[in-house]
Structures are given as C-alpha cells and as structure tokens.
Amino acid sequence: MGKAKKNKKAKQQSGEKKKEFFEMEGVVVEALPNAHFRVKLDNGITIIAYLSGKMRMNYIRVVEGDRVKVEISPYDLEKGRITYRIG
C-alpha cells in the first residue's frame, strides 16, 4: 500500500491534468431540460452542453442569448460543459 501512495503523490507533483479539453466560446440558442443547453459555437457548430457543478452550486443562471465559455471533450465533439457565463 505504501507504493501506491507514493506513485499517486508523484503524479500530483508532476502537474499532470486528468484530461485535456478544447475551450471555446458560443451563444446559448435553446434551453433544454435538466440544465442542458443547445450552444452555437463561434465556428458555426451547434453542440449540447450541460451546466458545470460549480455554476449549479452558485445558482448562476444561463438563459438564451448568453455568451458562454464551453469545454469540449476530444472524445465526443458534440457534447460539452458550460464553465463560464460571459453575458
């Protein structure tokens, strides 16, 4: 068990991130149930994005027409997470 803890600490100290995301900006086009939104990105692609946990905890409201910052996973380019409301 001692070895596993040392390896975990070594990974944390090296500054590795869990996963990499593409960060883009877009406009909320439509509000869907369960804090999901249809977002049109600046490059013209429309994706479905959900509200991040920190935004839910702090009761940050997102409505149609808001500019938002979205993180998109490289594994599924059709889905994303809204991390910041620009306005």
C-alpha atoms as a PDB file:
ATOM      1  CA  MET A   1       0.000   0.000   0.000  1.00  0.00           C
ATOM      2  CA  GLY A   2       2.901   2.357   0.605  1.00  0.00           C
ATOM      3  CA  LYS A   3       3.991   2.206  -3.026  1.00  0.00           C
ATOM      4  CA  ALA A   4       0.567   3.202  -4.350  1.00  0.00           C
ATOM      5  CA  LYS A   5       0.504   6.321  -2.196  1.00  0.00           C
ATOM      6  CA  LYS A   6       3.976   7.346  -3.342  1.00  0.00           C
ATOM      7  CA  ASN A   7       3.039   6.938  -7.007  1.00  0.00           C
ATOM      8  CA  LYS A   8      -0.119   8.990  -6.514  1.00  0.00           C
ATOM      9  CA  LYS A   9       1.871  11.805  -4.899  1.00  0.00           C
ATOM     10  CA  ALA A  10       4.453  11.728  -7.686  1.00  0.00           C
ATOM     11  CA  LYS A  11       1.697  12.180 -10.309  1.00  0.00           C
ATOM     12  CA  GLN A  12       0.166  15.098  -8.429  1.00  0.00           C
ATOM     13  CA  GLN A  13       3.519  16.837  -8.068  1.00  0.00           C
ATOM     14  CA  SER A  14       4.398  16.468 -11.736  1.00  0.00           C
ATOM     15  CA  GLY A  15       1.425  18.712 -12.621  1.00  0.00           C
ATOM     16  CA  GLU A  16      -0.458  16.233 -14.814  1.00  0.00           C
ATOM     17  CA  LYS A  17      -4.037  17.034 -15.665  1.00  0.00           C
ATOM     18  CA  LYS A  18      -6.672  14.317 -15.793  1.00  0.00           C
ATOM     19  CA  LYS A  19      -7.934  15.151 -19.286  1.00  0.00           C
ATOM     20  CA  GLU A  20      -7.449  17.853 -21.856  1.00  0.00           C
ATOM     21  CA  PHE A  21     -10.400  19.851 -23.179  1.00  0.00           C
ATOM     22  CA  PHE A  22     -10.969  22.247 -26.048  1.00  0.00           C
ATOM     23  CA  GLU A  23     -12.176  25.570 -24.664  1.00  0.00           C
ATOM     24  CA  MET A  24     -14.412  27.598 -26.969  1.00  0.00           C
ATOM     25  CA  GLU A  25     -16.991  30.365 -26.787  1.00  0.00           C
ATOM     26  CA  GLY A  26     -20.518  30.340 -28.108  1.00  0.00           C
ATOM     27  CA  VAL A  27     -24.083  31.588 -27.704  1.00  0.00           C
ATOM     28  CA  VAL A  28     -26.909  29.711 -25.981  1.00  0.00           C
ATOM     29  CA  VAL A  29     -29.579  29.045 -28.606  1.00  0.00           C
ATOM     30  CA  GLU A  30     -32.067  26.914 -26.661  1.00  0.00           C
ATOM     31  CA  ALA A  31     -32.628  25.814 -23.058  1.00  0.00           C
ATOM     32  CA  LEU A  32     -33.332  22.085 -22.664  1.00  0.00           C
ATOM     33  CA  PRO A  33     -34.478  20.120 -19.584  1.00  0.00           C
ATOM     34  CA  ASN A  34     -32.067  19.186 -16.752  1.00  0.00           C
ATOM     35  CA  ALA A  35     -29.702  22.161 -17.137  1.00  0.00           C
ATOM     36  CA  HIS A  36     -28.761  21.229 -20.700  1.00  0.00           C
ATOM     37  CA  PHE A  37     -28.436  23.849 -23.421  1.00  0.00           C
ATOM     38  CA  ARG A  38     -28.025  23.943 -27.171  1.00  0.00           C
ATOM     39  CA  VAL A  39     -24.987  26.161 -27.832  1.00  0.00           C
ATOM     40  CA  LYS A  40     -23.872  27.532 -31.198  1.00  0.00           C
ATOM     41  CA  LEU A  41     -20.091  27.925 -31.155  1.00  0.00           C
ATOM     42  CA  ASP A  42     -18.242  30.769 -32.851  1.00  0.00           C
ATOM     43  CA  ASN A  43     -17.131  28.406 -35.641  1.00  0.00           C
ATOM     44  CA  GLY A  44     -20.786  27.628 -36.522  1.00  0.00           C
ATOM     45  CA  ILE A  45     -21.078  24.148 -34.964  1.00  0.00           C
ATOM     46  CA  THR A  46     -24.045  23.511 -32.657  1.00  0.00           C
ATOM     47  CA  ILE A  47     -23.480  21.272 -29.601  1.00  0.00           C
ATOM     48  CA  ILE A  48     -25.380  20.235 -26.491  1.00  0.00           C
ATOM     49  CA  ALA A  49     -23.766  21.441 -23.274  1.00  0.00           C
ATOM     50  CA  TYR A  50     -24.610  20.970 -19.616  1.00  0.00           C
ATOM     51  CA  LEU A  51     -24.061  23.356 -16.722  1.00  0.00           C
ATOM     52  CA  SER A  52     -20.961  22.646 -14.618  1.00  0.00           C
ATOM     53  CA  GLY A  53     -21.339  21.753 -10.954  1.00  0.00           C
ATOM     54  CA  LYS A  54     -19.795  24.984  -9.650  1.00  0.00           C
ATOM     55  CA  MET A  55     -22.277  27.031 -11.680  1.00  0.00           C
ATOM     56  CA  ARG A  56     -25.173  24.970 -10.291  1.00  0.00           C
ATOM     57  CA  MET A  57     -23.888  25.321  -6.710  1.00  0.00           C
ATOM     58  CA  ASN A  58     -23.607  29.111  -7.018  1.00  0.00           C
ATOM     59  CA  TYR A  59     -27.016  29.468  -8.731  1.00  0.00           C
ATOM     60  CA  ILE A  60     -25.586  31.114 -11.846  1.00  0.00           C
ATOM     61  CA  ARG A  61     -28.444  31.358 -14.323  1.00  0.00           C
ATOM     62  CA  VAL A  62     -27.925  30.888 -18.045  1.00  0.00           C
ATOM     63  CA  VAL A  63     -30.635  31.963 -20.497  1.00  0.00           C
ATOM     64  CA  GLU A  64     -30.985  32.062 -24.259  1.00  0.00           C
ATOM     65  CA  GLY A  65     -28.735  34.656 -25.856  1.00  0.00           C
ATOM     66  CA  ASP A  66     -25.984  34.477 -23.216  1.00  0.00           C
ATOM     67  CA  ARG A  67     -22.377  34.127 -24.374  1.00  0.00           C
ATOM     68  CA  VAL A  68     -20.726  31.219 -22.582  1.00  0.00           C
ATOM     69  CA  LYS A  69     -17.361  29.503 -22.380  1.00  0.00           C
ATOM     70  CA  VAL A  70     -17.609  25.763 -23.126  1.00  0.00           C
ATOM     71  CA  GLU A  71     -15.169  22.899 -22.544  1.00  0.00           C
ATOM     72  CA  ILE A  72     -15.444  20.170 -25.183  1.00  0.00           C
ATOM     73  CA  SER A  73     -14.016  16.692 -24.751  1.00  0.00           C
ATOM     74  CA  PRO A  74     -11.773  15.467 -27.580  1.00  0.00           C
ATOM     75  CA  TYR A  75     -13.593  12.120 -27.434  1.00  0.00           C
ATOM     76  CA  ASP A  76     -17.085  13.454 -28.220  1.00  0.00           C
ATOM     77  CA  LEU A  77     -17.140  16.749 -30.093  1.00  0.00           C
ATOM     78  CA  GLU A  78     -20.948  17.034 -29.946  1.00  0.00           C
ATOM     79  CA  LYS A  79     -21.163  17.488 -26.148  1.00  0.00           C
ATOM     80  CA  GLY A  80     -19.634  19.988 -23.762  1.00  0.00           C
ATOM     81  CA  ARG A  81     -19.706  21.588 -20.319  1.00  0.00           C
ATOM     82  CA  ILE A  82     -20.534  25.266 -19.722  1.00  0.00           C
ATOM     83  CA  THR A  83     -17.918  26.627 -17.340  1.00  0.00           C
ATOM     84  CA  TYR A  84     -18.371  30.407 -17.536  1.00  0.00           C
ATOM     85  CA  ARG A  85     -21.163  32.840 -18.439  1.00  0.00           C
ATOM     86  CA  ILE A  86     -19.786  35.873 -20.263  1.00  0.00           C
ATOM     87  CA  GLY A  87     -23.064  37.760 -20.514  1.00  0.00           C
END
